[in-house]
N, C-alpha and C. Protein backbone atom coordinates (compact mmCIF):
# COMPACT_ATOMS: atom_id res chain seq x y z
N UNK A 1 0.94 -1.15 0.16
CA UNK A 1 -0.32 -0.09 -0.04
C UNK A 1 0.82 1.35 -0.29
N UNK A 2 2.00 0.96 0.74
CA UNK A 2 2.67 2.46 1.01
C UNK A 2 3.19 2.63 -0.56
N UNK A 3 3.73 1.78 -1.32
CA UNK A 3 4.05 2.32 -2.47
C UNK A 3 3.44 2.03 -3.24
N UNK A 4 2.30 1.70 -3.27
CA UNK A 4 1.36 2.70 -4.43
C UNK A 4 1.04 3.56 -3.60
N UNK A 5 0.76 4.36 -2.83
CA UNK A 5 0.47 6.18 -2.44
C UNK A 5 1.81 6.62 -2.81
N UNK A 6 3.55 6.49 -2.71
CA UNK A 6 4.05 6.67 -2.94
C UNK A 6 3.97 7.35 -4.87
N UNK A 7 3.48 5.66 -5.35
CA UNK A 7 3.81 6.54 -6.68
C UNK A 7 2.29 7.49 -7.39
N UNK A 8 1.79 7.43 -6.15
CA UNK A 8 0.45 8.91 -6.44
C UNK A 8 0.89 9.73 -6.26
N UNK A 9 1.49 9.90 -5.19
CA UNK A 9 2.65 11.27 -4.89
C UNK A 9 3.71 11.72 -5.63
N UNK A 10 4.96 10.93 -5.96
CA UNK A 10 5.22 11.20 -6.98
C UNK A 10 5.00 11.43 -8.46
N UNK A 11 3.58 10.62 -9.15
CA UNK A 11 3.03 11.16 -10.04
C UNK A 11 2.63 12.71 -10.11
N UNK A 12 2.52 13.27 -8.89
CA UNK A 12 2.26 14.63 -8.93
C UNK A 12 2.86 15.64 -9.27
N UNK A 13 4.28 14.86 -9.12
CA UNK A 13 5.77 15.70 -8.43
C UNK A 13 6.46 15.65 -9.74
N UNK A 14 7.08 17.24 -9.53
CA UNK A 14 8.04 17.49 -11.42
C UNK A 14 9.16 16.55 -10.98
N UNK A 15 10.09 16.27 -11.83
CA UNK A 15 11.71 15.77 -11.49
C UNK A 15 12.45 16.48 -10.80
N UNK A 16 12.53 17.28 -11.33
CA UNK A 16 12.81 18.39 -10.08
C UNK A 16 12.79 18.56 -8.71
N UNK A 17 11.34 18.68 -8.48
CA UNK A 17 10.65 18.55 -6.95
C UNK A 17 11.22 16.96 -6.51
N UNK A 18 11.33 15.67 -7.16
CA UNK A 18 11.31 14.24 -6.68
C UNK A 18 13.12 14.56 -6.56
N UNK A 19 13.64 15.00 -7.08
CA UNK A 19 15.57 15.25 -7.14
C UNK A 19 15.41 15.81 -5.78
N UNK A 20 14.74 17.29 -5.37
CA UNK A 20 15.06 17.74 -4.37
C UNK A 20 15.24 17.22 -3.23
N UNK A 21 13.63 16.34 -3.23
CA UNK A 21 13.42 15.21 -1.88
C UNK A 21 14.21 14.38 -1.87
N UNK A 22 15.19 13.73 -3.06
CA UNK A 22 16.12 13.18 -2.64
C UNK A 22 17.46 13.48 -1.97
N UNK A 23 17.42 14.62 -2.30
CA UNK A 23 18.92 15.37 -2.32
C UNK A 23 18.87 15.77 -0.66
N UNK A 24 17.28 15.86 -0.51
CA UNK A 24 17.17 17.06 1.09
C UNK A 24 17.50 15.41 2.61
N UNK A 25 18.41 15.99 3.45
CA UNK A 25 18.80 15.98 4.42
C UNK A 25 18.34 15.39 5.63
N UNK A 26 17.19 14.61 6.08
CA UNK A 26 16.84 14.28 7.32
C UNK A 26 17.83 13.97 8.32
N UNK A 27 18.06 14.77 9.47
CA UNK A 27 18.40 14.28 10.78
C UNK A 27 17.78 15.25 11.97
N UNK A 28 18.22 14.79 12.76
CA UNK A 28 17.86 15.74 14.12
C UNK A 28 17.98 17.25 14.07
N UNK A 29 18.66 17.75 13.51
CA UNK A 29 18.56 19.55 12.87
C UNK A 29 18.28 20.01 11.67
N UNK A 30 18.06 19.11 10.64
CA UNK A 30 17.63 19.12 9.20
C UNK A 30 16.57 18.49 8.64
N UNK A 31 15.58 19.20 8.08
CA UNK A 31 15.33 20.51 7.50
C UNK A 31 15.23 21.54 8.98
N UNK A 32 14.92 20.99 9.79
CA UNK A 32 14.53 21.95 11.40
C UNK A 32 14.09 21.10 12.35
N UNK A 33 14.23 21.11 13.58
CA UNK A 33 14.29 21.02 14.99
C UNK A 33 12.69 19.67 15.20
N UNK A 34 12.10 19.60 14.10
CA UNK A 34 10.98 18.78 14.79
C UNK A 34 11.06 17.63 14.81
N UNK A 35 12.39 16.73 14.47
CA UNK A 35 12.32 14.64 14.18
C UNK A 35 13.00 15.09 15.57
N UNK A 36 14.13 16.39 16.40
CA UNK A 36 14.88 16.18 17.35
C UNK A 36 13.86 16.48 18.19
N UNK A 37 12.91 17.03 18.33
CA UNK A 37 11.63 17.87 19.28
C UNK A 37 10.73 16.03 19.71
N UNK A 38 10.32 15.99 18.25
CA UNK A 38 9.77 14.75 18.62
C UNK A 38 10.22 13.40 19.71
N UNK A 39 11.11 13.73 19.36
CA UNK A 39 12.11 12.50 19.71
C UNK A 39 12.07 12.75 21.30
N UNK A 40 12.98 13.75 21.52
CA UNK A 40 12.46 14.08 22.77
C UNK A 40 11.39 13.51 23.70
N UNK A 41 9.96 14.17 23.00
CA UNK A 41 8.80 14.12 23.60
C UNK A 41 8.83 12.31 23.46
N UNK A 42 8.95 11.99 22.84
CA UNK A 42 8.77 10.41 22.60
C UNK A 42 10.13 9.69 24.34
N UNK A 43 10.65 10.28 24.17
CA UNK A 43 11.93 9.90 25.47
C UNK A 43 11.14 10.21 27.07
N UNK A 44 10.54 12.00 26.57
CA UNK A 44 10.44 11.85 27.89
C UNK A 44 8.98 11.10 28.37
N UNK A 45 8.26 10.83 27.92
CA UNK A 45 6.31 9.93 27.65
C UNK A 45 7.32 8.86 28.46
N UNK A 46 8.78 7.84 27.11
CA UNK A 46 8.96 6.87 27.75
C UNK A 46 7.63 5.90 27.79
N UNK A 47 8.57 4.50 28.21
CA UNK A 47 7.50 3.44 28.08
C UNK A 47 6.22 2.87 29.08
N UNK A 48 6.47 3.88 29.80
CA UNK A 48 5.57 3.86 31.37
C UNK A 48 4.89 4.28 30.94
N UNK A 49 4.81 5.92 30.17
CA UNK A 49 3.95 7.03 29.88
C UNK A 49 3.65 8.14 31.27
N UNK A 50 3.38 9.30 30.67
CA UNK A 50 3.11 10.06 31.83
C UNK A 50 1.48 10.43 32.38
N UNK A 51 1.15 11.33 33.07
CA UNK A 51 0.14 11.51 33.51
C UNK A 51 -0.82 12.38 32.73
N UNK A 52 -1.86 12.58 32.58
CA UNK A 52 -2.41 13.29 31.74
C UNK A 52 -4.10 13.82 32.23
N UNK A 53 -4.22 14.91 32.19
CA UNK A 53 -5.81 15.53 32.65
C UNK A 53 -6.70 14.76 32.56
N UNK A 54 -8.02 14.44 33.50
CA UNK A 54 -9.14 13.52 33.46
C UNK A 54 -9.65 13.87 31.92
N UNK A 55 -10.28 15.01 32.05
CA UNK A 55 -11.61 15.32 30.75
C UNK A 55 -10.72 15.42 29.48
N UNK A 56 -9.26 15.86 29.03
CA UNK A 56 -9.73 16.61 28.18
C UNK A 56 -7.59 16.04 27.63
N UNK A 57 -7.55 14.77 28.91
CA UNK A 57 -6.13 13.95 28.58
C UNK A 57 -5.25 15.09 27.82
N UNK A 58 -4.97 15.95 28.23
CA UNK A 58 -3.84 16.64 28.18
C UNK A 58 -2.94 16.56 28.83
N UNK A 59 -1.16 16.55 28.56
CA UNK A 59 -0.68 16.64 29.73
C UNK A 59 -0.42 17.75 30.79
N UNK A 60 0.00 16.91 31.92
CA UNK A 60 -0.32 17.50 33.33
C UNK A 60 0.38 19.20 32.80
N UNK A 61 0.05 19.69 33.76
CA UNK A 61 0.68 20.93 33.85
C UNK A 61 2.17 20.90 34.72
N UNK A 62 2.20 20.28 35.30
CA UNK A 62 3.15 19.93 36.20
C UNK A 62 4.72 19.74 35.40
N UNK A 63 4.37 18.94 34.35
CA UNK A 63 4.96 18.30 33.65
C UNK A 63 5.51 19.20 32.45
N UNK A 64 4.73 20.15 32.32
CA UNK A 64 5.34 21.36 31.18
C UNK A 64 6.21 21.41 30.88
N UNK A 65 7.32 22.11 31.78
CA UNK A 65 8.19 23.25 32.61
C UNK A 65 9.48 22.57 31.77
N UNK A 66 8.98 21.28 32.52
CA UNK A 66 10.64 20.07 32.17
C UNK A 66 10.09 19.49 30.46
N UNK A 67 8.97 19.45 30.27
CA UNK A 67 9.15 19.30 28.86
C UNK A 67 9.84 20.19 28.16
N UNK A 68 9.56 21.34 28.25
CA UNK A 68 9.95 22.42 27.50
C UNK A 68 11.55 22.95 27.93
N UNK A 69 11.83 22.48 28.77
CA UNK A 69 13.60 21.94 28.59
C UNK A 69 13.94 21.27 27.89
N UNK A 70 13.56 20.37 27.45
CA UNK A 70 13.75 19.71 26.67
C UNK A 70 13.67 19.42 24.89
N UNK A 71 12.77 21.14 24.70
CA UNK A 71 13.04 21.66 23.18
C UNK A 71 14.41 21.92 22.91
N UNK A 72 14.37 21.78 21.02
CA UNK A 72 15.29 23.03 21.14
C UNK A 72 15.06 23.94 21.30
N UNK A 73 13.92 24.78 20.92
CA UNK A 73 13.82 26.17 21.94
C UNK A 73 12.91 25.96 21.90
N UNK A 74 13.16 26.02 23.82
CA UNK A 74 12.27 26.15 24.93
C UNK A 74 11.72 27.52 25.12
N UNK A 75 10.51 27.46 25.43
CA UNK A 75 9.94 28.88 25.37
C UNK A 75 10.14 29.71 26.91
N UNK A 76 10.24 31.03 26.80
CA UNK A 76 10.47 31.21 27.49
C UNK A 76 9.08 32.52 28.28
N UNK A 77 8.60 31.92 29.85
CA UNK A 77 7.59 32.80 30.03
C UNK A 77 7.69 33.49 31.71
N UNK A 78 7.30 34.53 31.99
CA UNK A 78 6.94 35.59 32.65
C UNK A 78 5.88 35.54 33.37
N UNK A 79 5.04 34.56 32.76
CA UNK A 79 4.28 34.85 33.26
C UNK A 79 3.59 34.05 34.81
N UNK A 80 3.25 34.76 35.59
CA UNK A 80 2.52 33.81 37.04
C UNK A 80 2.44 32.58 36.75
N UNK A 81 1.54 32.38 35.76
CA UNK A 81 0.64 30.80 35.49
C UNK A 81 1.37 30.40 34.44
N UNK A 82 2.29 29.48 34.55
CA UNK A 82 3.31 29.32 33.17
C UNK A 82 2.42 28.79 32.10
N UNK A 83 1.59 27.69 32.64
CA UNK A 83 0.76 26.78 31.88
C UNK A 83 0.03 27.75 30.74
N UNK A 84 -0.48 29.17 30.55
CA UNK A 84 -0.94 29.86 29.81
C UNK A 84 -0.17 29.96 28.76
N UNK A 85 1.45 30.05 28.84
CA UNK A 85 2.07 30.03 27.38
C UNK A 85 2.70 28.47 27.18
N UNK A 86 2.77 28.45 28.63
CA UNK A 86 3.57 26.61 28.10
C UNK A 86 2.42 25.26 27.55
N UNK A 87 0.83 25.81 27.56
CA UNK A 87 0.62 24.81 26.58
C UNK A 87 0.23 24.97 25.53
N UNK A 88 1.39 25.72 24.39
CA UNK A 88 1.45 25.97 23.52
C UNK A 88 2.34 24.59 22.78
N UNK A 89 3.08 24.18 23.81
CA UNK A 89 3.80 23.29 23.56
C UNK A 89 3.52 21.78 22.63
């Protein structure tokens, strides 16, 4: 099925676009920090999981500062209630 989906995708791309994707480097820092930050999130959650809120299944507010510090570009917050800002993580 993946091969079929890839054929459909490549059929819509020009040869230059296909070559650009083939030449693109993918690692912790390229083309951005998304892969590194996602890996940090998975490591943070671990194999046992983390606590989430009962109603909306969001990360516990207490965990957000620790998770924020693991990100490539941690958010700085001077708010008295930092969860207002850190909830964007």
